[in-house]
Amino acid sequence: MSTSPRYIAVEGPIGVGKTSFVRLLAEEMNARLVLEDVEQNPFLREFYDDRAARAFQTQMFFLLSRFRQQQAEFSQYDLFSRGVISDYIFAKDRIFAYQNLDENELALYEQVYALLEPKVTKPDLVVYLQAATDTLMKRIRLRDREFERRVSYEYIDSINESYNRFFFNYSDTPLLVVQTSDIDFVRDPSELRDLIKQINRAGQGTLYYRPMSGTGGARG
């Protein structure tokens, strides 16, 4: 009999709806919420204007700020007292690094990453939210963040492909892959409750889940 995960990390590409989803999930599961503050990165707006010029500064800021947050949130926290739900995993940083950095920048980045990664607490379960690129673009436009208005379809599509490739080969923790293109957990609480059942039954390995409104259900 599997034990319900105490530390759940939710992941997915830009625009998939991680933050809205984890807020609902944390409330439903009475868990503490850990959110990444993306907008605090001072290089991000300029990055979308000139990726080549600002990629390394943007990436290193994210890497170090994510590490500091992980250390602050988990170094003295007892995961057995109350569950924790986060809207990112530390390893996501490498997805963007390999997408945006040149060869020399990546070599330096990897040296720093290798020093930090062993000190980070791994989740009991990762929930990967998938969506088609067209869906991601619609959601990005709807939330209308100023610095995302200039993001191109091609960039989001490449990030989406990188996420799918990363999680196709992912084996660090148990993984639940959820197709979200045709579902809105905010507007349909029954879908959220059904997904929580899948979270509580997730064991080792990878489980694929298509919400009730889609075709089919969970499978190993």
N, C-alpha and C. Protein backbone atom coordinates (compact mmCIF):
# COMPACT_ATOMS: atom_id res chain seq x y z
N MET A 1 0.85 -1.20 0.00
CA MET A 1 0.00 0.00 0.00
C MET A 1 0.88 1.24 0.00
N SER A 2 0.65 2.17 -0.97
CA SER A 2 1.50 3.35 -1.08
C SER A 2 1.10 4.41 -0.07
N THR A 3 2.07 5.22 0.34
CA THR A 3 1.84 6.33 1.25
C THR A 3 1.67 7.61 0.46
N SER A 4 0.71 8.44 0.88
CA SER A 4 0.49 9.70 0.17
C SER A 4 1.75 10.55 0.23
N PRO A 5 2.14 11.17 -0.88
CA PRO A 5 3.37 11.99 -0.90
C PRO A 5 3.23 13.21 -0.01
N ARG A 6 4.32 13.54 0.70
CA ARG A 6 4.33 14.69 1.59
C ARG A 6 4.85 15.94 0.88
N TYR A 7 5.73 15.76 -0.08
CA TYR A 7 6.29 16.89 -0.83
C TYR A 7 6.01 16.65 -2.30
N ILE A 8 5.12 17.46 -2.85
CA ILE A 8 4.72 17.35 -4.25
C ILE A 8 5.20 18.58 -5.00
N ALA A 9 5.88 18.37 -6.11
CA ALA A 9 6.30 19.47 -6.97
C ALA A 9 5.56 19.38 -8.29
N VAL A 10 5.00 20.49 -8.73
CA VAL A 10 4.25 20.54 -9.98
C VAL A 10 5.11 21.26 -11.02
N GLU A 11 5.20 20.68 -12.19
CA GLU A 11 6.02 21.25 -13.26
C GLU A 11 5.25 21.32 -14.57
N GLY A 12 5.81 22.08 -15.50
CA GLY A 12 5.23 22.21 -16.83
C GLY A 12 5.76 23.46 -17.49
N PRO A 13 5.60 23.58 -18.80
CA PRO A 13 6.15 24.70 -19.54
C PRO A 13 5.45 26.01 -19.23
N ILE A 14 6.02 27.10 -19.71
CA ILE A 14 5.46 28.43 -19.53
C ILE A 14 4.02 28.46 -20.05
N GLY A 15 3.09 28.93 -19.22
CA GLY A 15 1.71 29.08 -19.65
C GLY A 15 0.81 27.90 -19.37
N VAL A 16 1.34 26.82 -18.81
CA VAL A 16 0.51 25.63 -18.61
C VAL A 16 -0.45 25.79 -17.43
N GLY A 17 -0.18 26.74 -16.53
CA GLY A 17 -1.08 26.99 -15.42
C GLY A 17 -0.65 26.39 -14.10
N LYS A 18 0.65 26.28 -13.88
CA LYS A 18 1.17 25.65 -12.66
C LYS A 18 0.71 26.37 -11.40
N THR A 19 0.87 27.69 -11.39
CA THR A 19 0.63 28.44 -10.15
C THR A 19 -0.83 28.38 -9.73
N SER A 20 -1.73 28.58 -10.67
CA SER A 20 -3.17 28.48 -10.35
C SER A 20 -3.50 27.09 -9.84
N PHE A 21 -2.91 26.08 -10.48
CA PHE A 21 -3.18 24.70 -10.09
C PHE A 21 -2.66 24.39 -8.69
N VAL A 22 -1.42 24.79 -8.38
CA VAL A 22 -0.87 24.44 -7.06
C VAL A 22 -1.59 25.18 -5.94
N ARG A 23 -2.09 26.38 -6.21
CA ARG A 23 -2.88 27.08 -5.19
C ARG A 23 -4.13 26.27 -4.82
N LEU A 24 -4.81 25.77 -5.84
CA LEU A 24 -5.98 24.94 -5.60
C LEU A 24 -5.62 23.64 -4.90
N LEU A 25 -4.54 23.02 -5.37
CA LEU A 25 -4.12 21.74 -4.81
C LEU A 25 -3.71 21.87 -3.35
N ALA A 26 -2.97 22.92 -3.02
CA ALA A 26 -2.54 23.13 -1.64
C ALA A 26 -3.74 23.36 -0.72
N GLU A 27 -4.71 24.12 -1.21
CA GLU A 27 -5.91 24.36 -0.39
C GLU A 27 -6.69 23.07 -0.19
N GLU A 28 -6.84 22.31 -1.26
CA GLU A 28 -7.61 21.06 -1.18
C GLU A 28 -6.93 20.03 -0.28
N MET A 29 -5.59 20.00 -0.29
CA MET A 29 -4.84 19.01 0.48
C MET A 29 -4.31 19.55 1.80
N ASN A 30 -4.68 20.81 2.12
CA ASN A 30 -4.23 21.44 3.37
C ASN A 30 -2.71 21.38 3.50
N ALA A 31 -2.03 21.77 2.45
CA ALA A 31 -0.57 21.70 2.40
C ALA A 31 0.02 23.11 2.37
N ARG A 32 1.26 23.23 2.78
CA ARG A 32 1.96 24.50 2.70
C ARG A 32 2.40 24.74 1.26
N LEU A 33 2.31 25.97 0.82
CA LEU A 33 2.57 26.32 -0.57
C LEU A 33 3.92 27.01 -0.72
N VAL A 34 4.73 26.53 -1.68
CA VAL A 34 6.01 27.14 -2.00
C VAL A 34 5.98 27.56 -3.46
N LEU A 35 5.99 28.89 -3.69
CA LEU A 35 5.88 29.42 -5.05
C LEU A 35 7.18 30.09 -5.46
N GLU A 36 7.57 29.82 -6.70
CA GLU A 36 8.72 30.51 -7.26
C GLU A 36 8.30 31.92 -7.69
N ASP A 37 9.12 32.91 -7.36
CA ASP A 37 8.83 34.29 -7.75
C ASP A 37 9.61 34.61 -9.02
N VAL A 38 9.01 34.32 -10.15
CA VAL A 38 9.68 34.50 -11.43
C VAL A 38 9.97 35.97 -11.70
N GLU A 39 9.04 36.83 -11.35
CA GLU A 39 9.13 38.24 -11.73
C GLU A 39 10.19 39.01 -10.96
N GLN A 40 10.80 38.40 -9.94
CA GLN A 40 11.86 39.10 -9.21
C GLN A 40 13.18 39.11 -9.99
N ASN A 41 13.28 38.32 -11.06
CA ASN A 41 14.51 38.27 -11.85
C ASN A 41 14.68 39.57 -12.63
N PRO A 42 15.70 40.38 -12.32
CA PRO A 42 15.83 41.70 -12.96
C PRO A 42 16.24 41.63 -14.43
N PHE A 43 16.68 40.46 -14.89
CA PHE A 43 17.14 40.32 -16.27
C PHE A 43 16.05 39.80 -17.21
N LEU A 44 14.91 39.39 -16.65
CA LEU A 44 13.93 38.64 -17.44
C LEU A 44 13.31 39.47 -18.56
N ARG A 45 12.94 40.69 -18.28
CA ARG A 45 12.32 41.52 -19.32
C ARG A 45 13.27 41.76 -20.48
N GLU A 46 14.53 42.04 -20.17
CA GLU A 46 15.51 42.24 -21.24
C GLU A 46 15.82 40.95 -21.97
N PHE A 47 15.71 39.83 -21.28
CA PHE A 47 15.94 38.54 -21.92
C PHE A 47 15.00 38.32 -23.08
N TYR A 48 13.73 38.66 -22.91
CA TYR A 48 12.76 38.45 -23.98
C TYR A 48 13.00 39.39 -25.16
N ASP A 49 13.72 40.49 -24.93
CA ASP A 49 14.08 41.39 -26.03
C ASP A 49 15.34 40.94 -26.76
N ASP A 50 16.29 40.38 -25.99
CA ASP A 50 17.57 39.97 -26.58
C ASP A 50 18.07 38.74 -25.83
N ARG A 51 17.63 37.55 -26.24
CA ARG A 51 17.94 36.32 -25.53
C ARG A 51 19.43 36.06 -25.46
N ALA A 52 20.14 36.25 -26.55
CA ALA A 52 21.57 35.94 -26.59
C ALA A 52 22.37 36.79 -25.61
N ALA A 53 22.00 38.05 -25.49
CA ALA A 53 22.75 38.97 -24.63
C ALA A 53 22.46 38.77 -23.15
N ARG A 54 21.25 38.34 -22.83
CA ARG A 54 20.84 38.27 -21.42
C ARG A 54 20.63 36.86 -20.89
N ALA A 55 20.86 35.85 -21.70
CA ALA A 55 20.55 34.48 -21.29
C ALA A 55 21.36 34.04 -20.07
N PHE A 56 22.66 34.30 -20.06
CA PHE A 56 23.48 33.79 -18.96
C PHE A 56 23.13 34.45 -17.63
N GLN A 57 22.98 35.79 -17.64
CA GLN A 57 22.60 36.48 -16.40
C GLN A 57 21.24 36.01 -15.90
N THR A 58 20.31 35.87 -16.83
CA THR A 58 18.97 35.41 -16.46
C THR A 58 19.01 34.03 -15.84
N GLN A 59 19.77 33.13 -16.48
CA GLN A 59 19.82 31.74 -16.03
C GLN A 59 20.52 31.61 -14.69
N MET A 60 21.62 32.30 -14.50
CA MET A 60 22.35 32.20 -13.24
C MET A 60 21.55 32.79 -12.09
N PHE A 61 20.82 33.87 -12.36
CA PHE A 61 19.97 34.44 -11.31
C PHE A 61 18.91 33.43 -10.89
N PHE A 62 18.26 32.79 -11.86
CA PHE A 62 17.26 31.78 -11.55
C PHE A 62 17.86 30.62 -10.76
N LEU A 63 19.02 30.13 -11.20
CA LEU A 63 19.65 28.99 -10.54
C LEU A 63 19.93 29.29 -9.07
N LEU A 64 20.53 30.45 -8.80
CA LEU A 64 20.91 30.78 -7.43
C LEU A 64 19.70 31.13 -6.57
N SER A 65 18.73 31.82 -7.14
CA SER A 65 17.55 32.18 -6.35
C SER A 65 16.71 30.95 -6.03
N ARG A 66 16.63 30.00 -6.97
CA ARG A 66 15.91 28.76 -6.70
C ARG A 66 16.61 27.95 -5.62
N PHE A 67 17.93 27.92 -5.68
CA PHE A 67 18.68 27.19 -4.65
C PHE A 67 18.48 27.83 -3.27
N ARG A 68 18.57 29.15 -3.19
CA ARG A 68 18.37 29.82 -1.90
C ARG A 68 16.97 29.55 -1.35
N GLN A 69 15.99 29.58 -2.22
CA GLN A 69 14.63 29.32 -1.75
C GLN A 69 14.49 27.88 -1.25
N GLN A 70 15.05 26.93 -1.99
CA GLN A 70 15.00 25.54 -1.56
C GLN A 70 15.64 25.35 -0.19
N GLN A 71 16.79 25.97 0.01
CA GLN A 71 17.48 25.85 1.29
C GLN A 71 16.66 26.48 2.41
N ALA A 72 16.09 27.63 2.15
CA ALA A 72 15.31 28.32 3.17
C ALA A 72 14.03 27.57 3.52
N GLU A 73 13.38 27.00 2.50
CA GLU A 73 12.09 26.36 2.72
C GLU A 73 12.20 24.98 3.36
N PHE A 74 13.29 24.25 3.05
CA PHE A 74 13.33 22.85 3.46
C PHE A 74 14.42 22.50 4.47
N SER A 75 15.35 23.39 4.75
CA SER A 75 16.45 23.03 5.63
C SER A 75 15.99 22.78 7.06
N GLN A 76 14.95 23.49 7.51
CA GLN A 76 14.49 23.33 8.89
C GLN A 76 13.03 22.93 8.96
N TYR A 77 12.49 22.45 7.86
CA TYR A 77 11.07 22.14 7.84
C TYR A 77 10.83 20.64 7.95
N ASP A 78 9.91 20.27 8.81
CA ASP A 78 9.56 18.87 9.01
C ASP A 78 8.44 18.49 8.04
N LEU A 79 8.77 17.74 7.01
CA LEU A 79 7.78 17.37 6.01
C LEU A 79 6.70 16.45 6.57
N PHE A 80 6.94 15.87 7.74
CA PHE A 80 5.95 14.97 8.31
C PHE A 80 4.88 15.72 9.09
N SER A 81 5.11 16.99 9.41
CA SER A 81 4.12 17.75 10.15
C SER A 81 3.02 18.27 9.25
N ARG A 82 3.37 18.63 8.02
CA ARG A 82 2.39 19.12 7.06
C ARG A 82 2.97 18.99 5.66
N GLY A 83 2.14 18.60 4.71
CA GLY A 83 2.61 18.44 3.35
C GLY A 83 3.03 19.76 2.73
N VAL A 84 3.84 19.67 1.68
CA VAL A 84 4.31 20.84 0.95
C VAL A 84 4.04 20.64 -0.53
N ILE A 85 3.56 21.70 -1.18
CA ILE A 85 3.33 21.69 -2.62
C ILE A 85 4.05 22.88 -3.23
N SER A 86 4.86 22.62 -4.25
CA SER A 86 5.64 23.66 -4.91
C SER A 86 5.29 23.71 -6.39
N ASP A 87 5.51 24.89 -7.01
CA ASP A 87 5.21 25.02 -8.44
C ASP A 87 6.45 24.90 -9.32
N TYR A 88 7.49 24.24 -8.81
CA TYR A 88 8.66 23.97 -9.65
C TYR A 88 9.54 22.90 -8.99
N ILE A 89 10.40 22.28 -9.78
CA ILE A 89 11.48 21.45 -9.26
C ILE A 89 12.80 22.13 -9.60
N PHE A 90 13.79 21.89 -8.79
CA PHE A 90 15.09 22.53 -9.00
C PHE A 90 15.69 22.14 -10.35
N ALA A 91 15.48 20.89 -10.75
CA ALA A 91 16.08 20.39 -11.98
C ALA A 91 15.54 21.08 -13.23
N LYS A 92 14.41 21.78 -13.13
CA LYS A 92 13.86 22.47 -14.30
C LYS A 92 14.85 23.48 -14.87
N ASP A 93 15.71 23.98 -14.00
CA ASP A 93 16.63 25.03 -14.42
C ASP A 93 17.49 24.60 -15.60
N ARG A 94 17.84 23.32 -15.63
CA ARG A 94 18.69 22.83 -16.70
C ARG A 94 17.95 22.77 -18.04
N ILE A 95 16.63 22.61 -18.00
CA ILE A 95 15.86 22.64 -19.24
C ILE A 95 16.09 23.96 -19.96
N PHE A 96 15.98 25.05 -19.21
CA PHE A 96 16.13 26.37 -19.80
C PHE A 96 17.60 26.67 -20.12
N ALA A 97 18.50 26.16 -19.29
CA ALA A 97 19.92 26.38 -19.55
C ALA A 97 20.33 25.79 -20.90
N TYR A 98 19.92 24.57 -21.16
CA TYR A 98 20.28 23.92 -22.42
C TYR A 98 19.55 24.55 -23.61
N GLN A 99 18.45 25.21 -23.33
CA GLN A 99 17.72 25.87 -24.40
C GLN A 99 18.35 27.22 -24.76
N ASN A 100 18.93 27.91 -23.78
CA ASN A 100 19.29 29.32 -23.97
C ASN A 100 20.78 29.64 -23.96
N LEU A 101 21.62 28.78 -23.39
CA LEU A 101 23.03 29.13 -23.22
C LEU A 101 23.89 28.57 -24.35
N ASP A 102 24.98 29.29 -24.64
CA ASP A 102 25.92 28.76 -25.62
C ASP A 102 26.87 27.76 -24.94
N GLU A 103 27.75 27.17 -25.69
CA GLU A 103 28.58 26.07 -25.19
C GLU A 103 29.45 26.49 -24.00
N ASN A 104 30.09 27.64 -24.08
CA ASN A 104 30.96 28.10 -22.99
C ASN A 104 30.15 28.47 -21.75
N GLU A 105 29.04 29.14 -21.96
CA GLU A 105 28.17 29.50 -20.83
C GLU A 105 27.63 28.25 -20.14
N LEU A 106 27.27 27.26 -20.94
CA LEU A 106 26.72 26.03 -20.40
C LEU A 106 27.75 25.26 -19.57
N ALA A 107 28.99 25.27 -20.01
CA ALA A 107 30.05 24.58 -19.26
C ALA A 107 30.21 25.20 -17.87
N LEU A 108 30.20 26.54 -17.79
CA LEU A 108 30.30 27.21 -16.50
C LEU A 108 29.05 26.97 -15.66
N TYR A 109 27.90 27.05 -16.29
CA TYR A 109 26.64 26.78 -15.60
C TYR A 109 26.65 25.39 -14.96
N GLU A 110 27.09 24.38 -15.72
CA GLU A 110 27.08 23.01 -15.22
C GLU A 110 27.99 22.83 -14.00
N GLN A 111 29.08 23.55 -13.95
CA GLN A 111 29.96 23.48 -12.78
C GLN A 111 29.24 23.98 -11.53
N VAL A 112 28.54 25.09 -11.67
CA VAL A 112 27.80 25.64 -10.52
C VAL A 112 26.64 24.72 -10.15
N TYR A 113 25.91 24.24 -11.15
CA TYR A 113 24.77 23.36 -10.90
C TYR A 113 25.21 22.10 -10.15
N ALA A 114 26.34 21.53 -10.54
CA ALA A 114 26.82 20.30 -9.92
C ALA A 114 27.15 20.50 -8.44
N LEU A 115 27.53 21.69 -8.06
CA LEU A 115 27.81 21.99 -6.65
C LEU A 115 26.53 22.13 -5.83
N LEU A 116 25.48 22.63 -6.45
CA LEU A 116 24.24 22.96 -5.73
C LEU A 116 23.25 21.79 -5.67
N GLU A 117 23.11 21.09 -6.77
CA GLU A 117 22.03 20.09 -6.89
C GLU A 117 22.02 19.02 -5.79
N PRO A 118 23.18 18.49 -5.34
CA PRO A 118 23.13 17.45 -4.30
C PRO A 118 22.57 17.95 -2.97
N LYS A 119 22.52 19.25 -2.76
CA LYS A 119 22.05 19.82 -1.50
C LYS A 119 20.55 20.11 -1.49
N VAL A 120 19.88 19.81 -2.59
CA VAL A 120 18.46 20.14 -2.73
C VAL A 120 17.60 18.93 -2.39
N THR A 121 16.52 19.16 -1.63
CA THR A 121 15.58 18.11 -1.26
C THR A 121 14.76 17.68 -2.47
N LYS A 122 14.69 16.38 -2.72
CA LYS A 122 13.90 15.88 -3.85
C LYS A 122 12.45 15.68 -3.43
N PRO A 123 11.50 15.95 -4.33
CA PRO A 123 10.08 15.71 -4.02
C PRO A 123 9.77 14.22 -3.87
N ASP A 124 8.68 13.93 -3.18
CA ASP A 124 8.17 12.56 -3.14
C ASP A 124 7.45 12.21 -4.44
N LEU A 125 6.90 13.25 -5.08
CA LEU A 125 6.18 13.06 -6.34
C LEU A 125 6.29 14.34 -7.17
N VAL A 126 6.52 14.18 -8.47
CA VAL A 126 6.46 15.30 -9.40
C VAL A 126 5.22 15.11 -10.28
N VAL A 127 4.42 16.17 -10.39
CA VAL A 127 3.26 16.19 -11.29
C VAL A 127 3.62 17.06 -12.48
N TYR A 128 3.67 16.47 -13.66
CA TYR A 128 4.03 17.19 -14.87
C TYR A 128 2.78 17.52 -15.66
N LEU A 129 2.47 18.80 -15.80
CA LEU A 129 1.31 19.26 -16.55
C LEU A 129 1.70 19.47 -18.01
N GLN A 130 1.07 18.74 -18.88
CA GLN A 130 1.33 18.85 -20.32
C GLN A 130 0.23 19.65 -21.00
N ALA A 131 0.57 20.34 -22.09
CA ALA A 131 -0.42 20.99 -22.94
C ALA A 131 0.19 21.24 -24.30
N ALA A 132 -0.65 21.33 -25.31
CA ALA A 132 -0.19 21.65 -26.65
C ALA A 132 0.30 23.09 -26.69
N THR A 133 1.22 23.38 -27.60
CA THR A 133 1.78 24.73 -27.68
C THR A 133 0.71 25.78 -27.97
N ASP A 134 -0.26 25.46 -28.81
CA ASP A 134 -1.36 26.40 -29.08
C ASP A 134 -2.09 26.76 -27.79
N THR A 135 -2.30 25.77 -26.93
CA THR A 135 -2.96 26.01 -25.65
C THR A 135 -2.10 26.89 -24.75
N LEU A 136 -0.81 26.62 -24.72
CA LEU A 136 0.10 27.44 -23.90
C LEU A 136 0.05 28.89 -24.35
N MET A 137 0.09 29.13 -25.65
CA MET A 137 0.08 30.50 -26.16
C MET A 137 -1.22 31.21 -25.80
N LYS A 138 -2.35 30.52 -25.88
CA LYS A 138 -3.63 31.12 -25.49
C LYS A 138 -3.62 31.52 -24.02
N ARG A 139 -3.08 30.65 -23.17
CA ARG A 139 -3.06 30.94 -21.73
C ARG A 139 -2.09 32.07 -21.41
N ILE A 140 -0.98 32.14 -22.12
CA ILE A 140 -0.03 33.23 -21.93
C ILE A 140 -0.68 34.56 -22.30
N ARG A 141 -1.39 34.58 -23.41
CA ARG A 141 -2.07 35.82 -23.83
C ARG A 141 -3.16 36.21 -22.84
N LEU A 142 -3.86 35.25 -22.30
CA LEU A 142 -4.94 35.55 -21.36
C LEU A 142 -4.42 36.15 -20.07
N ARG A 143 -3.31 35.66 -19.55
CA ARG A 143 -2.80 36.21 -18.29
C ARG A 143 -2.07 37.54 -18.50
N ASP A 144 -1.61 37.79 -19.71
CA ASP A 144 -1.15 39.11 -20.15
C ASP A 144 -0.10 39.73 -19.22
N ARG A 145 0.97 38.98 -18.95
CA ARG A 145 2.10 39.57 -18.23
C ARG A 145 2.89 40.45 -19.20
N GLU A 146 3.25 41.63 -18.76
CA GLU A 146 3.88 42.60 -19.65
C GLU A 146 5.11 42.04 -20.32
N PHE A 147 6.00 41.38 -19.56
CA PHE A 147 7.26 40.91 -20.13
C PHE A 147 7.09 39.67 -21.01
N GLU A 148 5.90 39.04 -20.98
CA GLU A 148 5.66 37.88 -21.84
C GLU A 148 4.98 38.24 -23.16
N ARG A 149 4.62 39.49 -23.34
CA ARG A 149 3.91 39.89 -24.57
C ARG A 149 4.78 39.73 -25.80
N ARG A 150 6.09 39.74 -25.60
CA ARG A 150 7.00 39.66 -26.73
C ARG A 150 7.49 38.23 -27.00
N VAL A 151 7.05 37.29 -26.21
CA VAL A 151 7.52 35.91 -26.38
C VAL A 151 6.93 35.32 -27.65
N SER A 152 7.75 34.61 -28.41
CA SER A 152 7.30 34.08 -29.70
C SER A 152 6.74 32.66 -29.57
N TYR A 153 5.92 32.31 -30.55
CA TYR A 153 5.39 30.95 -30.62
C TYR A 153 6.53 29.95 -30.73
N GLU A 154 7.54 30.28 -31.52
CA GLU A 154 8.67 29.37 -31.74
C GLU A 154 9.41 29.07 -30.45
N TYR A 155 9.59 30.11 -29.62
CA TYR A 155 10.30 29.90 -28.36
C TYR A 155 9.49 29.01 -27.42
N ILE A 156 8.19 29.29 -27.29
CA ILE A 156 7.34 28.47 -26.42
C ILE A 156 7.28 27.03 -26.93
N ASP A 157 7.22 26.87 -28.24
CA ASP A 157 7.18 25.52 -28.81
C ASP A 157 8.47 24.76 -28.51
N SER A 158 9.60 25.44 -28.59
CA SER A 158 10.87 24.77 -28.30
C SER A 158 10.98 24.42 -26.82
N ILE A 159 10.48 25.30 -25.94
CA ILE A 159 10.46 25.01 -24.50
C ILE A 159 9.55 23.82 -24.23
N ASN A 160 8.40 23.80 -24.87
CA ASN A 160 7.46 22.70 -24.68
C ASN A 160 8.08 21.37 -25.10
N GLU A 161 8.75 21.36 -26.23
CA GLU A 161 9.42 20.15 -26.69
C GLU A 161 10.52 19.72 -25.71
N SER A 162 11.24 20.70 -25.16
CA SER A 162 12.31 20.40 -24.20
C SER A 162 11.75 19.79 -22.92
N TYR A 163 10.63 20.31 -22.46
CA TYR A 163 9.97 19.74 -21.28
C TYR A 163 9.54 18.29 -21.53
N ASN A 164 8.91 18.06 -22.67
CA ASN A 164 8.47 16.71 -22.98
C ASN A 164 9.64 15.73 -23.07
N ARG A 165 10.73 16.18 -23.67
CA ARG A 165 11.92 15.34 -23.78
C ARG A 165 12.51 15.07 -22.39
N PHE A 166 12.57 16.11 -21.55
CA PHE A 166 13.13 15.96 -20.20
C PHE A 166 12.33 14.95 -19.39
N PHE A 167 11.01 15.07 -19.41
CA PHE A 167 10.21 14.19 -18.57
C PHE A 167 10.01 12.81 -19.18
N PHE A 168 10.21 12.68 -20.49
CA PHE A 168 10.19 11.35 -21.09
C PHE A 168 11.33 10.50 -20.53
N ASN A 169 12.45 11.17 -20.20
CA ASN A 169 13.62 10.47 -19.68
C ASN A 169 13.78 10.62 -18.16
N TYR A 170 12.80 11.20 -17.49
CA TYR A 170 12.91 11.52 -16.07
C TYR A 170 12.73 10.27 -15.21
N SER A 171 13.61 10.08 -14.22
CA SER A 171 13.50 8.93 -13.32
C SER A 171 13.96 9.24 -11.90
N ASP A 172 14.17 10.51 -11.58
CA ASP A 172 14.68 10.86 -10.25
C ASP A 172 13.68 10.59 -9.14
N THR A 173 12.40 10.76 -9.43
CA THR A 173 11.34 10.57 -8.43
C THR A 173 10.13 9.95 -9.13
N PRO A 174 9.14 9.48 -8.35
CA PRO A 174 7.88 9.10 -9.00
C PRO A 174 7.30 10.29 -9.78
N LEU A 175 6.62 9.98 -10.89
CA LEU A 175 6.15 11.04 -11.80
C LEU A 175 4.72 10.74 -12.23
N LEU A 176 3.89 11.78 -12.17
CA LEU A 176 2.52 11.71 -12.68
C LEU A 176 2.39 12.72 -13.82
N VAL A 177 2.14 12.23 -15.03
CA VAL A 177 2.03 13.08 -16.22
C VAL A 177 0.54 13.33 -16.49
N VAL A 178 0.16 14.61 -16.55
CA VAL A 178 -1.25 14.98 -16.68
C VAL A 178 -1.45 15.81 -17.95
N GLN A 179 -2.32 15.37 -18.83
CA GLN A 179 -2.65 16.12 -20.04
C GLN A 179 -3.71 17.17 -19.70
N THR A 180 -3.38 18.45 -19.88
CA THR A 180 -4.28 19.53 -19.44
C THR A 180 -4.83 20.38 -20.58
N SER A 181 -4.59 20.01 -21.83
CA SER A 181 -5.02 20.87 -22.95
C SER A 181 -6.52 21.12 -22.95
N ASP A 182 -7.30 20.14 -22.51
CA ASP A 182 -8.76 20.25 -22.62
C ASP A 182 -9.45 20.38 -21.26
N ILE A 183 -8.71 20.81 -20.24
CA ILE A 183 -9.32 20.89 -18.91
C ILE A 183 -8.86 22.15 -18.19
N ASP A 184 -9.74 22.68 -17.37
CA ASP A 184 -9.45 23.84 -16.54
C ASP A 184 -9.78 23.46 -15.10
N PHE A 185 -8.76 23.18 -14.31
CA PHE A 185 -8.99 22.75 -12.93
C PHE A 185 -9.64 23.84 -12.09
N VAL A 186 -9.44 25.09 -12.47
CA VAL A 186 -10.04 26.20 -11.72
C VAL A 186 -11.56 26.17 -11.87
N ARG A 187 -12.03 25.88 -13.07
CA ARG A 187 -13.47 25.93 -13.35
C ARG A 187 -14.18 24.61 -13.10
N ASP A 188 -13.43 23.54 -12.97
CA ASP A 188 -14.05 22.22 -12.80
C ASP A 188 -13.44 21.51 -11.59
N PRO A 189 -13.99 21.76 -10.40
CA PRO A 189 -13.45 21.15 -9.17
C PRO A 189 -13.48 19.63 -9.19
N SER A 190 -14.42 19.03 -9.93
CA SER A 190 -14.49 17.56 -9.95
C SER A 190 -13.24 16.97 -10.58
N GLU A 191 -12.67 17.67 -11.57
CA GLU A 191 -11.43 17.20 -12.18
C GLU A 191 -10.29 17.26 -11.19
N LEU A 192 -10.26 18.30 -10.37
CA LEU A 192 -9.22 18.42 -9.36
C LEU A 192 -9.32 17.30 -8.34
N ARG A 193 -10.52 17.00 -7.90
CA ARG A 193 -10.69 15.93 -6.91
C ARG A 193 -10.28 14.58 -7.50
N ASP A 194 -10.59 14.36 -8.76
CA ASP A 194 -10.20 13.10 -9.39
C ASP A 194 -8.67 13.01 -9.51
N LEU A 195 -8.04 14.14 -9.82
CA LEU A 195 -6.58 14.14 -9.93
C LEU A 195 -5.93 13.86 -8.57
N ILE A 196 -6.51 14.40 -7.50
CA ILE A 196 -5.96 14.15 -6.17
C ILE A 196 -6.00 12.66 -5.84
N LYS A 197 -7.03 11.97 -6.29
CA LYS A 197 -7.08 10.52 -6.10
C LYS A 197 -5.90 9.85 -6.79
N GLN A 198 -5.56 10.33 -8.00
CA GLN A 198 -4.43 9.76 -8.72
C GLN A 198 -3.11 10.07 -8.00
N ILE A 199 -3.01 11.27 -7.44
CA ILE A 199 -1.81 11.65 -6.68
C ILE A 199 -1.62 10.73 -5.48
N ASN A 200 -2.70 10.44 -4.79
CA ASN A 200 -2.61 9.62 -3.58
C ASN A 200 -2.33 8.15 -3.88
N ARG A 201 -2.59 7.73 -5.11
CA ARG A 201 -2.31 6.33 -5.46
C ARG A 201 -1.01 6.17 -6.24
N ALA A 202 -0.36 7.28 -6.56
CA ALA A 202 0.88 7.21 -7.33
C ALA A 202 1.95 6.49 -6.53
N GLY A 203 2.62 5.54 -7.15
CA GLY A 203 3.69 4.81 -6.49
C GLY A 203 5.01 5.11 -7.16
N GLN A 204 5.81 4.10 -7.37
CA GLN A 204 7.08 4.27 -8.05
C GLN A 204 6.86 4.35 -9.56
N GLY A 205 7.86 4.89 -10.25
CA GLY A 205 7.78 4.95 -11.69
C GLY A 205 6.90 6.09 -12.18
N THR A 206 6.36 5.93 -13.40
CA THR A 206 5.61 6.98 -14.06
C THR A 206 4.17 6.53 -14.30
N LEU A 207 3.24 7.42 -13.98
CA LEU A 207 1.82 7.20 -14.21
C LEU A 207 1.31 8.29 -15.14
N TYR A 208 0.57 7.91 -16.19
CA TYR A 208 0.00 8.86 -17.14
C TYR A 208 -1.48 9.01 -16.85
N TYR A 209 -1.93 10.26 -16.82
CA TYR A 209 -3.32 10.52 -16.46
C TYR A 209 -3.96 11.54 -17.40
N ARG A 210 -5.08 11.16 -17.98
CA ARG A 210 -5.88 12.09 -18.77
C ARG A 210 -7.16 12.35 -17.99
N PRO A 211 -7.48 13.62 -17.70
CA PRO A 211 -8.65 13.94 -16.89
C PRO A 211 -9.93 13.34 -17.46
N MET A 212 -10.97 13.28 -16.60
CA MET A 212 -12.21 12.60 -16.94
C MET A 212 -12.86 13.12 -18.20
N SER A 213 -12.71 14.42 -18.47
CA SER A 213 -13.33 15.01 -19.65
C SER A 213 -12.62 14.57 -20.94
N GLY A 214 -11.39 14.04 -20.78
CA GLY A 214 -10.66 13.54 -21.94
C GLY A 214 -11.05 12.11 -22.21
N THR A 215 -10.26 11.42 -23.01
CA THR A 215 -10.54 10.03 -23.31
C THR A 215 -9.64 9.16 -22.48
N GLY A 216 -10.23 8.32 -21.65
CA GLY A 216 -9.42 7.41 -20.86
C GLY A 216 -9.12 7.96 -19.50
N GLY A 217 -8.34 7.21 -18.72
CA GLY A 217 -7.98 7.61 -17.38
C GLY A 217 -6.53 7.39 -17.11
N ALA A 218 -6.22 6.90 -15.93
CA ALA A 218 -4.81 6.71 -15.55
C ALA A 218 -4.33 5.35 -16.03
N ARG A 219 -3.04 5.33 -16.33
CA ARG A 219 -2.43 4.06 -16.68
C ARG A 219 -0.95 4.11 -16.29
N GLY A 220 -0.35 2.97 -16.04
CA GLY A 220 1.04 2.93 -15.65
C GLY A 220 1.96 2.96 -16.84
